Amino acid sequence: MNKKALIDITYLLLVGMTAGAVFILGAFVAAVVFHSEMYLTLPLLSRYEEGKIMGEIFRRFTYWAYFMTAVIAIYEVSRYKVMQIDKIAILSALSSMGTLLLFSAVYTPKILEYQTQGEAVMLQNSFEALHKASEIDFKILLVSLLILFMRRAYVMVAKK
């Protein structure tokens, strides 16, 4: 296997892992954390405490999000320089980078800031709107990453 193929496969693996992480965090982790009463013998955690746990999970995910933003940017710019990019790849890469940055640089810090202000602040409409927007961003991120993954995999297979 040559160096270029190894880089392509590593990139695909990283994009696929990120899409998987987004799916797992949204579909499984959040579902379990925010319904802890179903898995514990007693309802030990309030919604606010569950939110603090989920906030910490997402805070840690932001490190990966920043890393992947850089990886996507570097890889896609390198593909652009050798004219191996198309509209679908450009749009899905830009969308992935934008939503990764929105989630990690805007939504997560703002939600954590609300959490430090206490439980009463978490019930405000402004927090609910921010939380809903972050959920929508996460869903767009998943779709963007899946499109990017499929497009890059298709291009790799088609050029052989």
Protein backbone atom coordinates (compact mmCIF):
# COMPACT_ATOMS: atom_id res chain seq x y z
CA MET A 1 0.00 0.00 0.00
CA ASN A 2 1.43 3.35 -0.99
CA LYS A 3 1.59 6.44 1.23
CA LYS A 4 -1.30 8.23 -0.50
CA ALA A 5 -3.63 5.25 -0.10
CA LEU A 6 -2.71 5.00 3.58
CA ILE A 7 -3.51 8.69 4.08
CA ASP A 8 -6.84 8.29 2.24
CA ILE A 9 -7.83 5.27 4.31
CA THR A 10 -6.79 6.96 7.56
CA TYR A 11 -8.86 10.01 6.63
CA LEU A 12 -11.89 7.84 5.86
CA LEU A 13 -11.42 6.00 9.13
CA LEU A 14 -11.25 9.26 11.11
CA VAL A 15 -14.35 10.70 9.40
CA GLY A 16 -16.21 7.42 9.97
CA MET A 17 -15.14 7.33 13.62
CA THR A 18 -16.35 10.89 14.10
CA ALA A 19 -19.72 10.13 12.51
CA GLY A 20 -19.97 7.07 14.76
CA ALA A 21 -19.10 9.12 17.84
CA VAL A 22 -21.73 11.73 16.96
CA PHE A 23 -24.33 9.02 16.48
CA ILE A 24 -23.41 7.20 19.71
CA LEU A 25 -23.35 10.41 21.75
CA GLY A 26 -26.70 11.55 20.41
CA ALA A 27 -28.63 8.30 20.19
CA PHE A 28 -27.27 6.25 23.07
CA VAL A 29 -25.31 8.29 25.59
CA ALA A 30 -27.77 11.18 25.82
CA ALA A 31 -30.72 8.79 25.90
CA VAL A 32 -29.25 6.87 28.84
CA VAL A 33 -27.94 9.88 30.76
CA PHE A 34 -31.20 11.83 30.48
CA HIS A 35 -33.28 8.81 31.47
CA SER A 36 -31.12 7.57 34.33
CA GLU A 37 -34.18 6.85 36.45
CA MET A 38 -34.95 3.91 34.17
CA TYR A 39 -31.60 2.29 34.94
CA LEU A 40 -31.20 3.11 38.62
CA THR A 41 -33.28 1.65 41.42
CA LEU A 42 -34.01 5.16 42.69
CA PRO A 43 -34.15 8.42 40.76
CA LEU A 44 -30.87 9.79 42.12
CA LEU A 45 -30.18 12.52 39.59
CA SER A 46 -32.21 15.59 38.68
CA ARG A 47 -32.45 16.77 35.08
CA TYR A 48 -29.91 19.47 35.95
CA GLU A 49 -27.41 16.92 37.30
CA GLU A 50 -27.91 14.73 34.24
CA GLY A 51 -27.24 17.79 32.11
CA LYS A 52 -24.00 18.45 33.97
CA ILE A 53 -22.83 14.90 33.21
CA MET A 54 -23.77 15.25 29.55
CA GLY A 55 -22.12 18.67 29.42
CA GLU A 56 -18.84 17.17 30.62
CA ILE A 57 -19.08 14.41 28.02
CA PHE A 58 -19.62 16.98 25.28
CA ARG A 59 -16.84 19.21 26.65
CA ARG A 60 -14.43 16.31 26.23
CA PHE A 61 -15.80 15.60 22.76
CA THR A 62 -14.93 19.17 21.71
CA TYR A 63 -11.23 18.27 21.75
CA TRP A 64 -11.90 15.62 19.13
CA ALA A 65 -14.10 18.06 17.20
CA TYR A 66 -11.31 20.63 16.98
CA PHE A 67 -8.86 17.93 15.89
CA MET A 68 -11.23 16.68 13.20
CA THR A 69 -11.89 20.20 11.93
CA ALA A 70 -8.16 20.56 11.33
CA VAL A 71 -7.89 17.09 9.74
CA ILE A 72 -10.79 17.75 7.37
CA ALA A 73 -9.41 21.18 6.42
CA ILE A 74 -5.89 19.87 5.75
CA TYR A 75 -7.04 16.82 3.80
CA GLU A 76 -9.60 18.65 1.68
CA VAL A 77 -7.19 21.50 0.87
CA SER A 78 -4.60 18.92 -0.19
CA ARG A 79 -7.20 17.24 -2.42
CA TYR A 80 -8.18 20.64 -3.86
CA LYS A 81 -4.56 21.39 -4.76
CA VAL A 82 -4.38 18.25 -6.91
CA MET A 83 -7.92 18.82 -8.29
CA GLN A 84 -9.43 15.75 -6.62
CA ILE A 85 -12.45 17.46 -5.15
CA ASP A 86 -15.99 18.10 -6.32
CA LYS A 87 -18.99 20.12 -5.19
CA ILE A 88 -20.35 17.37 -2.94
CA ALA A 89 -17.02 16.92 -1.17
CA ILE A 90 -16.53 20.67 -0.78
CA LEU A 91 -20.01 21.29 0.60
CA SER A 92 -20.00 18.32 2.96
CA ALA A 93 -16.50 19.16 4.21
CA LEU A 94 -17.42 22.82 4.80
CA SER A 95 -20.66 21.80 6.47
CA SER A 96 -18.84 19.28 8.68
CA MET A 97 -16.21 21.80 9.70
CA GLY A 98 -18.79 24.51 10.32
CA THR A 99 -21.03 22.34 12.46
CA LEU A 100 -18.06 20.89 14.36
CA LEU A 101 -16.86 24.40 15.16
CA LEU A 102 -20.34 25.62 16.05
CA PHE A 103 -20.84 22.74 18.44
CA SER A 104 -17.43 22.92 20.06
CA ALA A 105 -16.79 26.68 20.07
CA VAL A 106 -20.30 28.07 20.54
CA TYR A 107 -22.91 25.65 21.84
CA THR A 108 -20.92 23.59 24.32
CA PRO A 109 -19.22 26.57 26.05
CA LYS A 110 -22.52 28.46 26.23
CA ILE A 111 -24.35 25.46 27.71
CA LEU A 112 -21.56 24.95 30.25
CA GLU A 113 -21.77 28.66 31.11
CA TYR A 114 -25.51 28.31 31.75
CA GLN A 115 -24.80 25.30 33.98
CA THR A 116 -22.41 27.28 36.17
CA GLN A 117 -25.19 29.80 36.82
CA GLY A 118 -27.35 27.19 38.50
CA GLU A 119 -30.43 25.12 37.97
CA ALA A 120 -32.90 28.02 37.87
CA VAL A 121 -31.16 29.55 34.83
CA MET A 122 -31.43 26.24 32.98
CA LEU A 123 -35.23 26.60 32.89
CA GLN A 124 -35.13 29.85 30.93
CA ASN A 125 -36.37 29.98 27.35
CA SER A 126 -32.97 31.20 26.17
CA PHE A 127 -31.32 28.02 27.43
CA GLU A 128 -34.00 25.84 25.85
CA ALA A 129 -33.53 27.61 22.50
CA LEU A 130 -29.74 27.20 22.72
CA HIS A 131 -30.10 23.52 23.61
CA LYS A 132 -32.51 22.89 20.73
CA ALA A 133 -30.16 24.66 18.31
CA SER A 134 -27.26 22.49 19.50
CA GLU A 135 -29.34 19.35 18.89
CA ILE A 136 -30.14 20.50 15.35
CA ASP A 137 -26.45 21.31 14.77
CA PHE A 138 -25.50 17.81 15.96
CA LYS A 139 -27.96 16.21 13.53
CA ILE A 140 -26.68 18.32 10.63
CA LEU A 141 -23.15 17.34 11.65
CA LEU A 142 -24.00 13.64 11.46
CA VAL A 143 -25.55 13.98 8.00
CA SER A 144 -22.62 16.09 6.75
CA LEU A 145 -20.05 13.60 8.02
CA LEU A 146 -21.91 10.68 6.47
CA ILE A 147 -22.13 12.45 3.10
CA LEU A 148 -18.42 13.33 3.30
CA PHE A 149 -17.53 9.75 4.19
CA MET A 150 -19.63 8.25 1.38
CA ARG A 151 -18.37 10.75 -1.20
CA ARG A 152 -14.72 10.22 -0.32
CA ALA A 153 -15.17 6.44 -0.27
CA TYR A 154 -16.89 6.59 -3.67
CA VAL A 155 -14.10 8.73 -5.15
CA MET A 156 -11.44 6.34 -3.81
CA VAL A 157 -13.18 3.30 -5.29
CA ALA A 158 -14.03 5.03 -8.60
CA LYS A 159 -10.46 6.10 -9.33
CA LYS A 160 -9.10 2.54 -9.09
